[in-house]
Amino acid sequence: MHSNETTLQVYHRYFKIPVERYLNTVTDFLDPWDERAYQHFVHQHLKTIDDHGIVGMVRQDKDENYVYLDAAVRYPINHPTDIEKISD
Protein backbone atom coordinates (compact mmCIF):
# COMPACT_ATOMS: atom_id res chain seq x y z
CA MET A 1 0.00 0.00 0.00
CA HIS A 2 1.26 3.47 -0.78
CA SER A 3 0.46 6.78 0.85
CA ASN A 4 1.24 10.19 -0.57
CA GLU A 5 2.83 12.74 1.68
CA THR A 6 3.14 16.26 0.42
CA THR A 7 6.21 18.26 1.23
CA LEU A 8 6.41 21.95 0.42
CA GLN A 9 9.60 23.46 -0.88
CA VAL A 10 9.82 27.21 -0.29
CA TYR A 11 11.56 29.66 -2.59
CA HIS A 12 11.86 33.39 -2.16
CA ARG A 13 10.83 35.24 -5.28
CA TYR A 14 11.86 38.87 -5.62
CA PHE A 15 9.96 41.42 -7.69
CA LYS A 16 10.70 44.99 -8.72
CA ILE A 17 7.45 46.51 -9.99
CA PRO A 18 6.75 50.02 -11.24
CA VAL A 19 4.49 51.68 -8.65
CA GLU A 20 1.78 52.50 -11.20
CA ARG A 21 1.58 48.90 -12.42
CA TYR A 22 1.41 47.62 -8.86
CA LEU A 23 -1.37 50.04 -7.91
CA ASN A 24 -3.34 49.18 -11.07
CA THR A 25 -3.22 45.49 -10.12
CA VAL A 26 -4.47 45.94 -6.55
CA THR A 27 -7.34 48.36 -7.18
CA ASP A 28 -9.82 46.08 -5.36
CA PHE A 29 -7.99 46.59 -2.06
CA LEU A 30 -8.83 49.51 0.23
CA ASP A 31 -5.23 49.49 1.46
CA PRO A 32 -2.78 48.70 -1.36
CA TRP A 33 0.01 48.47 1.24
CA ASP A 34 -1.56 45.53 3.07
CA GLU A 35 0.02 42.09 2.88
CA ARG A 36 -3.11 40.66 1.24
CA ALA A 37 -2.63 43.13 -1.61
CA TYR A 38 1.01 42.04 -1.99
CA GLN A 39 -0.07 38.39 -2.04
CA HIS A 40 -2.72 39.18 -4.63
CA PHE A 41 -0.18 40.87 -6.88
CA VAL A 42 2.24 37.93 -6.66
CA HIS A 43 -0.57 35.41 -7.20
CA GLN A 44 -1.76 37.28 -10.31
CA HIS A 45 1.77 37.46 -11.67
CA LEU A 46 2.33 33.73 -11.11
CA LYS A 47 -0.92 32.96 -12.95
CA THR A 48 0.23 34.97 -15.97
CA ILE A 49 3.43 32.92 -16.24
CA ASP A 50 1.63 29.59 -15.53
CA ASP A 51 3.51 29.12 -12.25
CA HIS A 52 1.49 27.02 -9.79
CA GLY A 53 3.31 28.11 -6.64
CA ILE A 54 1.38 28.84 -3.46
CA VAL A 55 1.97 32.37 -2.22
CA GLY A 56 2.81 32.74 1.45
CA MET A 57 4.20 35.68 3.36
CA VAL A 58 5.19 38.71 1.28
CA ARG A 59 7.33 41.60 2.47
CA GLN A 60 7.34 44.95 0.77
CA ASP A 61 9.57 47.95 0.36
CA LYS A 62 9.07 50.86 -1.98
CA ASP A 63 10.57 54.06 -3.26
CA GLU A 64 9.09 56.78 -5.47
CA ASN A 65 9.35 54.60 -8.61
CA TYR A 66 9.16 50.95 -7.62
CA VAL A 67 7.57 48.49 -5.24
CA TYR A 68 9.91 45.68 -4.14
CA LEU A 69 8.30 42.43 -3.04
CA ASP A 70 9.97 39.48 -1.34
CA ALA A 71 7.51 36.59 -1.59
CA ALA A 72 7.75 33.16 -0.03
CA VAL A 73 6.33 30.85 -2.70
CA ARG A 74 5.70 27.20 -1.83
CA TYR A 75 5.78 24.33 -4.29
CA PRO A 76 4.33 20.91 -3.41
CA ILE A 77 6.61 17.91 -3.84
CA ASN A 78 4.88 14.54 -3.56
CA HIS A 79 6.78 11.64 -2.03
CA PRO A 80 5.26 8.16 -2.20
CA THR A 81 5.79 6.42 1.13
CA ASP A 82 5.46 2.69 1.69
CA ILE A 83 3.26 1.73 4.60
CA GLU A 84 4.17 -1.55 6.17
CA LYS A 85 1.32 -3.77 7.30
CA ILE A 86 2.04 -5.30 10.67
CA SER A 87 0.47 -8.68 11.26
CA ASP A 88 -2.08 -9.05 14.07
C-alpha atoms as a PDB file:
ATOM      1  CA  MET A   1       0.000   0.000   0.000  1.00  0.00           C
ATOM      2  CA  HIS A   2       1.256   3.468  -0.781  1.00  0.00           C
ATOM      3  CA  SER A   3       0.455   6.785   0.846  1.00  0.00           C
ATOM      4  CA  ASN A   4       1.235  10.185  -0.569  1.00  0.00           C
ATOM      5  CA  GLU A   5       2.827  12.739   1.681  1.00  0.00           C
ATOM      6  CA  THR A   6       3.135  16.264   0.424  1.00  0.00           C
ATOM      7  CA  THR A   7       6.209  18.264   1.229  1.00  0.00           C
ATOM      8  CA  LEU A   8       6.413  21.950   0.420  1.00  0.00           C
ATOM      9  CA  GLN A   9       9.601  23.459  -0.883  1.00  0.00           C
ATOM     10  CA  VAL A  10       9.817  27.214  -0.295  1.00  0.00           C
ATOM     11  CA  TYR A  11      11.556  29.662  -2.588  1.00  0.00           C
ATOM     12  CA  HIS A  12      11.864  33.394  -2.160  1.00  0.00           C
ATOM     13  CA  ARG A  13      10.833  35.245  -5.284  1.00  0.00           C
ATOM     14  CA  TYR A  14      11.862  38.874  -5.620  1.00  0.00           C
ATOM     15  CA  PHE A  15       9.965  41.418  -7.686  1.00  0.00           C
ATOM     16  CA  LYS A  16      10.703  44.994  -8.721  1.00  0.00           C
ATOM     17  CA  ILE A  17       7.446  46.509  -9.989  1.00  0.00           C
ATOM     18  CA  PRO A  18       6.755  50.022 -11.244  1.00  0.00           C
ATOM     19  CA  VAL A  19       4.493  51.678  -8.651  1.00  0.00           C
ATOM     20  CA  GLU A  20       1.779  52.504 -11.197  1.00  0.00           C
ATOM     21  CA  ARG A  21       1.582  48.900 -12.421  1.00  0.00           C
ATOM     22  CA  TYR A  22       1.409  47.620  -8.857  1.00  0.00           C
ATOM     23  CA  LEU A  23      -1.372  50.045  -7.909  1.00  0.00           C
ATOM     24  CA  ASN A  24      -3.339  49.177 -11.070  1.00  0.00           C
ATOM     25  CA  THR A  25      -3.216  45.494 -10.117  1.00  0.00           C
ATOM     26  CA  VAL A  26      -4.466  45.941  -6.546  1.00  0.00           C
ATOM     27  CA  THR A  27      -7.344  48.364  -7.183  1.00  0.00           C
ATOM     28  CA  ASP A  28      -9.819  46.084  -5.363  1.00  0.00           C
ATOM     29  CA  PHE A  29      -7.990  46.593  -2.061  1.00  0.00           C
ATOM     30  CA  LEU A  30      -8.832  49.511   0.227  1.00  0.00           C
ATOM     31  CA  ASP A  31      -5.228  49.493   1.460  1.00  0.00           C
ATOM     32  CA  PRO A  32      -2.776  48.699  -1.361  1.00  0.00           C
ATOM     33  CA  TRP A  33       0.010  48.470   1.236  1.00  0.00           C
ATOM     34  CA  ASP A  34      -1.562  45.534   3.074  1.00  0.00           C
ATOM     35  CA  GLU A  35       0.024  42.085   2.877  1.00  0.00           C
ATOM     36  CA  ARG A  36      -3.106  40.656   1.241  1.00  0.00           C
ATOM     37  CA  ALA A  37      -2.628  43.125  -1.612  1.00  0.00           C
ATOM     38  CA  TYR A  38       1.014  42.038  -1.991  1.00  0.00           C
ATOM     39  CA  GLN A  39      -0.068  38.393  -2.040  1.00  0.00           C
ATOM     40  CA  HIS A  40      -2.723  39.181  -4.630  1.00  0.00           C
ATOM     41  CA  PHE A  41      -0.177  40.871  -6.881  1.00  0.00           C
ATOM     42  CA  VAL A  42       2.238  37.928  -6.656  1.00  0.00           C
ATOM     43  CA  HIS A  43      -0.573  35.412  -7.204  1.00  0.00           C
ATOM     44  CA  GLN A  44      -1.758  37.278 -10.308  1.00  0.00           C
ATOM     45  CA  HIS A  45       1.775  37.456 -11.673  1.00  0.00           C
ATOM     46  CA  LEU A  46       2.332  33.733 -11.106  1.00  0.00           C
ATOM     47  CA  LYS A  47      -0.921  32.965 -12.945  1.00  0.00           C
ATOM     48  CA  THR A  48       0.232  34.966 -15.968  1.00  0.00           C
ATOM     49  CA  ILE A  49       3.425  32.923 -16.241  1.00  0.00           C
ATOM     50  CA  ASP A  50       1.629  29.595 -15.530  1.00  0.00           C
ATOM     51  CA  ASP A  51       3.506  29.117 -12.255  1.00  0.00           C
ATOM     52  CA  HIS A  52       1.490  27.021  -9.790  1.00  0.00           C
ATOM     53  CA  GLY A  53       3.314  28.106  -6.642  1.00  0.00           C
ATOM     54  CA  ILE A  54       1.377  28.842  -3.462  1.00  0.00           C
ATOM     55  CA  VAL A  55       1.968  32.370  -2.224  1.00  0.00           C
ATOM     56  CA  GLY A  56       2.814  32.737   1.454  1.00  0.00           C
ATOM     57  CA  MET A  57       4.202  35.677   3.357  1.00  0.00           C
ATOM     58  CA  VAL A  58       5.189  38.705   1.276  1.00  0.00           C
ATOM     59  CA  ARG A  59       7.326  41.602   2.472  1.00  0.00           C
ATOM     60  CA  GLN A  60       7.340  44.950   0.771  1.00  0.00           C
ATOM     61  CA  ASP A  61       9.565  47.947   0.365  1.00  0.00           C
ATOM     62  CA  LYS A  62       9.069  50.864  -1.985  1.00  0.00           C
ATOM     63  CA  ASP A  63      10.569  54.057  -3.262  1.00  0.00           C
ATOM     64  CA  GLU A  64       9.090  56.781  -5.471  1.00  0.00           C
ATOM     65  CA  ASN A  65       9.354  54.604  -8.614  1.00  0.00           C
ATOM     66  CA  TYR A  66       9.163  50.946  -7.616  1.00  0.00           C
ATOM     67  CA  VAL A  67       7.567  48.486  -5.243  1.00  0.00           C
ATOM     68  CA  TYR A  68       9.905  45.681  -4.137  1.00  0.00           C
ATOM     69  CA  LEU A  69       8.298  42.430  -3.039  1.00  0.00           C
ATOM     70  CA  ASP A  70       9.971  39.476  -1.340  1.00  0.00           C
ATOM     71  CA  ALA A  71       7.506  36.593  -1.593  1.00  0.00           C
ATOM     72  CA  ALA A  72       7.753  33.159  -0.025  1.00  0.00           C
ATOM     73  CA  VAL A  73       6.333  30.845  -2.699  1.00  0.00           C
ATOM     74  CA  ARG A  74       5.701  27.201  -1.835  1.00  0.00           C
ATOM     75  CA  TYR A  75       5.778  24.333  -4.294  1.00  0.00           C
ATOM     76  CA  PRO A  76       4.331  20.905  -3.415  1.00  0.00           C
ATOM     77  CA  ILE A  77       6.609  17.912  -3.840  1.00  0.00           C
ATOM     78  CA  ASN A  78       4.877  14.536  -3.563  1.00  0.00           C
ATOM     79  CA  HIS A  79       6.779  11.643  -2.028  1.00  0.00           C
ATOM     80  CA  PRO A  80       5.262   8.158  -2.203  1.00  0.00           C
ATOM     81  CA  THR A  81       5.786   6.424   1.125  1.00  0.00           C
ATOM     82  CA  ASP A  82       5.462   2.692   1.689  1.00  0.00           C
ATOM     83  CA  ILE A  83       3.258   1.732   4.605  1.00  0.00           C
ATOM     84  CA  GLU A  84       4.166  -1.554   6.167  1.00  0.00           C
ATOM     85  CA  LYS A  85       1.325  -3.767   7.299  1.00  0.00           C
ATOM     86  CA  ILE A  86       2.036  -5.300  10.673  1.00  0.00           C
ATOM     87  CA  SER A  87       0.468  -8.679  11.263  1.00  0.00           C
ATOM     88  CA  ASP A  88      -2.079  -9.054  14.067  1.00  0.00           C
END
